[in-house]
Amino acid sequence: RRRHYPRGSLVFAEGDDAHEVLLVIRGTVKVLVTARDGRQVVIEMSDAGELLGELAALDGARRTASAVAVTPVEVVTVPVAESTSAIAASSSAEANRLITT
């Protein structure tokens, strides 16, 4: 399922349940955490072709960071069950590539 987020909008929030992984199709998303003193610290910038929220999807935990659209953003959402299969398949393919080269 495709979703669109205008610049400055919240894609997901720290502490949310992780029901899906997001693949960035267009735009830039900043991933940030809240420090103990309340400051928001940017830990990653994600562009087209990158996954968001895969860590929480893999371990079944809540989101450990928030994501905000830096530019207008389009993502494709993949339910957790489907994404774990895809990540495992991708990891296997990468492992096989490394072994055979």
C-alpha atoms as a PDB file:
ATOM      1  CA  ARG A   1       0.000   0.000   0.000  1.00  0.00           C
ATOM      2  CA  ARG A   2       1.378   3.430  -0.935  1.00  0.00           C
ATOM      3  CA  ARG A   3       1.296   6.404   1.397  1.00  0.00           C
ATOM      4  CA  HIS A   4       2.222  10.025   0.864  1.00  0.00           C
ATOM      5  CA  TYR A   5       3.546  12.394   3.524  1.00  0.00           C
ATOM      6  CA  PRO A   6       3.927  16.143   3.050  1.00  0.00           C
ATOM      7  CA  ARG A   7       7.147  17.858   4.096  1.00  0.00           C
ATOM      8  CA  GLY A   8       7.418  18.089   7.894  1.00  0.00           C
ATOM      9  CA  SER A   9       4.846  15.411   8.661  1.00  0.00           C
ATOM     10  CA  LEU A  10       5.342  12.516  11.061  1.00  0.00           C
ATOM     11  CA  VAL A  11       5.776   9.168   9.300  1.00  0.00           C
ATOM     12  CA  PHE A  12       5.884   7.215  12.583  1.00  0.00           C
ATOM     13  CA  ALA A  13       6.597   8.032  16.227  1.00  0.00           C
ATOM     14  CA  GLU A  14       9.002   6.642  18.769  1.00  0.00           C
ATOM     15  CA  GLY A  15       7.048   4.174  20.925  1.00  0.00           C
ATOM     16  CA  ASP A  16       4.509   3.237  18.227  1.00  0.00           C
ATOM     17  CA  ASP A  17       3.768  -0.442  17.627  1.00  0.00           C
ATOM     18  CA  ALA A  18       5.592  -1.694  14.543  1.00  0.00           C
ATOM     19  CA  HIS A  19       3.018  -3.306  12.274  1.00  0.00           C
ATOM     20  CA  GLU A  20       4.842  -2.641   9.009  1.00  0.00           C
ATOM     21  CA  VAL A  21       8.111  -1.838   7.311  1.00  0.00           C
ATOM     22  CA  LEU A  22       8.260   1.134   4.977  1.00  0.00           C
ATOM     23  CA  LEU A  23      10.179   1.339   1.710  1.00  0.00           C
ATOM     24  CA  VAL A  24      10.949   4.915   0.669  1.00  0.00           C
ATOM     25  CA  ILE A  25       9.948   5.376  -2.975  1.00  0.00           C
ATOM     26  CA  ARG A  26      10.461   9.139  -3.241  1.00  0.00           C
ATOM     27  CA  GLY A  27      11.795  11.834  -0.955  1.00  0.00           C
ATOM     28  CA  THR A  28      13.914  12.027   2.182  1.00  0.00           C
ATOM     29  CA  VAL A  29      13.014  10.998   5.726  1.00  0.00           C
ATOM     30  CA  LYS A  30      14.974  11.872   8.857  1.00  0.00           C
ATOM     31  CA  VAL A  31      15.028   9.334  11.659  1.00  0.00           C
ATOM     32  CA  LEU A  32      15.452  10.789  15.127  1.00  0.00           C
ATOM     33  CA  VAL A  33      15.438   9.849  18.793  1.00  0.00           C
ATOM     34  CA  THR A  34      14.635  11.884  21.869  1.00  0.00           C
ATOM     35  CA  ALA A  35      17.620  12.335  24.183  1.00  0.00           C
ATOM     36  CA  ARG A  36      17.245  12.268  27.973  1.00  0.00           C
ATOM     37  CA  ASP A  37      17.351  16.062  28.069  1.00  0.00           C
ATOM     38  CA  GLY A  38      14.454  16.245  25.587  1.00  0.00           C
ATOM     39  CA  ARG A  39      16.504  17.204  22.527  1.00  0.00           C
ATOM     40  CA  GLN A  40      15.736  15.423  19.278  1.00  0.00           C
ATOM     41  CA  VAL A  41      18.838  13.875  17.716  1.00  0.00           C
ATOM     42  CA  VAL A  42      18.907  12.888  14.049  1.00  0.00           C
ATOM     43  CA  ILE A  43      20.444   9.425  13.719  1.00  0.00           C
ATOM     44  CA  GLU A  44      19.823   8.754  10.033  1.00  0.00           C
ATOM     45  CA  MET A  45      18.629  10.259   6.785  1.00  0.00           C
ATOM     46  CA  SER A  46      16.825   7.820   4.468  1.00  0.00           C
ATOM     47  CA  ASP A  47      16.252   8.325   0.757  1.00  0.00           C
ATOM     48  CA  ALA A  48      14.518   6.434  -2.058  1.00  0.00           C
ATOM     49  CA  GLY A  49      15.258   2.729  -1.986  1.00  0.00           C
ATOM     50  CA  GLU A  50      15.867   2.527   1.758  1.00  0.00           C
ATOM     51  CA  LEU A  51      13.847   0.699   4.401  1.00  0.00           C
ATOM     52  CA  LEU A  52      12.403   2.283   7.525  1.00  0.00           C
ATOM     53  CA  GLY A  53      11.309   0.491  10.662  1.00  0.00           C
ATOM     54  CA  GLU A  54      12.856  -2.877   9.875  1.00  0.00           C
ATOM     55  CA  LEU A  55      14.508  -3.279  13.291  1.00  0.00           C
ATOM     56  CA  ALA A  56      11.253  -2.998  15.223  1.00  0.00           C
ATOM     57  CA  ALA A  57       9.607  -5.330  12.708  1.00  0.00           C
ATOM     58  CA  LEU A  58      12.274  -7.983  13.199  1.00  0.00           C
ATOM     59  CA  ASP A  59      12.276  -7.975  16.987  1.00  0.00           C
ATOM     60  CA  GLY A  60       8.565  -7.264  17.505  1.00  0.00           C
ATOM     61  CA  ALA A  61       9.286  -4.281  19.734  1.00  0.00           C
ATOM     62  CA  ARG A  62       7.908  -0.766  19.606  1.00  0.00           C
ATOM     63  CA  ARG A  63       9.532   1.852  17.397  1.00  0.00           C
ATOM     64  CA  THR A  64      12.779   3.096  18.941  1.00  0.00           C
ATOM     65  CA  ALA A  65      12.851   6.275  16.857  1.00  0.00           C
ATOM     66  CA  SER A  66      10.574   8.706  15.055  1.00  0.00           C
ATOM     67  CA  ALA A  67      10.593   9.416  11.324  1.00  0.00           C
ATOM     68  CA  VAL A  68       9.728  12.778   9.777  1.00  0.00           C
ATOM     69  CA  ALA A  69       9.399  13.718   6.101  1.00  0.00           C
ATOM     70  CA  VAL A  70      12.136  16.203   5.152  1.00  0.00           C
ATOM     71  CA  THR A  71      10.675  16.558   1.647  1.00  0.00           C
ATOM     72  CA  PRO A  72       7.383  15.289   0.244  1.00  0.00           C
ATOM     73  CA  VAL A  73       7.676  11.517   0.703  1.00  0.00           C
ATOM     74  CA  GLU A  74       6.075   8.473  -0.876  1.00  0.00           C
ATOM     75  CA  VAL A  75       6.466   5.071   0.790  1.00  0.00           C
ATOM     76  CA  VAL A  76       5.211   1.558   0.237  1.00  0.00           C
ATOM     77  CA  THR A  77       4.178  -0.214   3.422  1.00  0.00           C
ATOM     78  CA  VAL A  78       4.779  -3.927   3.885  1.00  0.00           C
ATOM     79  CA  PRO A  79       3.101  -5.791   6.762  1.00  0.00           C
ATOM     80  CA  VAL A  80       5.526  -7.233   9.320  1.00  0.00           C
ATOM     81  CA  ALA A  81       4.831 -10.879   8.362  1.00  0.00           C
ATOM     82  CA  GLU A  82       5.613 -10.196   4.703  1.00  0.00           C
ATOM     83  CA  SER A  83       8.607  -7.977   5.457  1.00  0.00           C
ATOM     84  CA  THR A  84      10.391 -10.512   7.665  1.00  0.00           C
ATOM     85  CA  SER A  85      10.136 -13.065   4.856  1.00  0.00           C
ATOM     86  CA  ALA A  86      11.447 -10.537   2.339  1.00  0.00           C
ATOM     87  CA  ILE A  87      14.312  -9.459   4.604  1.00  0.00           C
ATOM     88  CA  ALA A  88      15.285 -13.089   5.222  1.00  0.00           C
ATOM     89  CA  ALA A  89      15.202 -13.822   1.480  1.00  0.00           C
ATOM     90  CA  SER A  90      17.250 -10.711   0.754  1.00  0.00           C
ATOM     91  CA  SER A  91      19.805 -11.650   3.403  1.00  0.00           C
ATOM     92  CA  SER A  92      20.077 -15.178   1.988  1.00  0.00           C
ATOM     93  CA  ALA A  93      20.575 -13.859  -1.523  1.00  0.00           C
ATOM     94  CA  GLU A  94      23.280 -11.437  -0.311  1.00  0.00           C
ATOM     95  CA  ALA A  95      24.998 -14.210   1.651  1.00  0.00           C
ATOM     96  CA  ASN A  96      24.992 -16.445  -1.440  1.00  0.00           C
ATOM     97  CA  ARG A  97      26.409 -13.635  -3.553  1.00  0.00           C
ATOM     98  CA  LEU A  98      29.241 -13.075  -1.077  1.00  0.00           C
ATOM     99  CA  ILE A  99      30.026 -16.792  -0.898  1.00  0.00           C
ATOM    100  CA  THR A 100      30.220 -17.222  -4.666  1.00  0.00           C
ATOM    101  CA  THR A 101      32.371 -14.136  -5.366  1.00  0.00           C
END
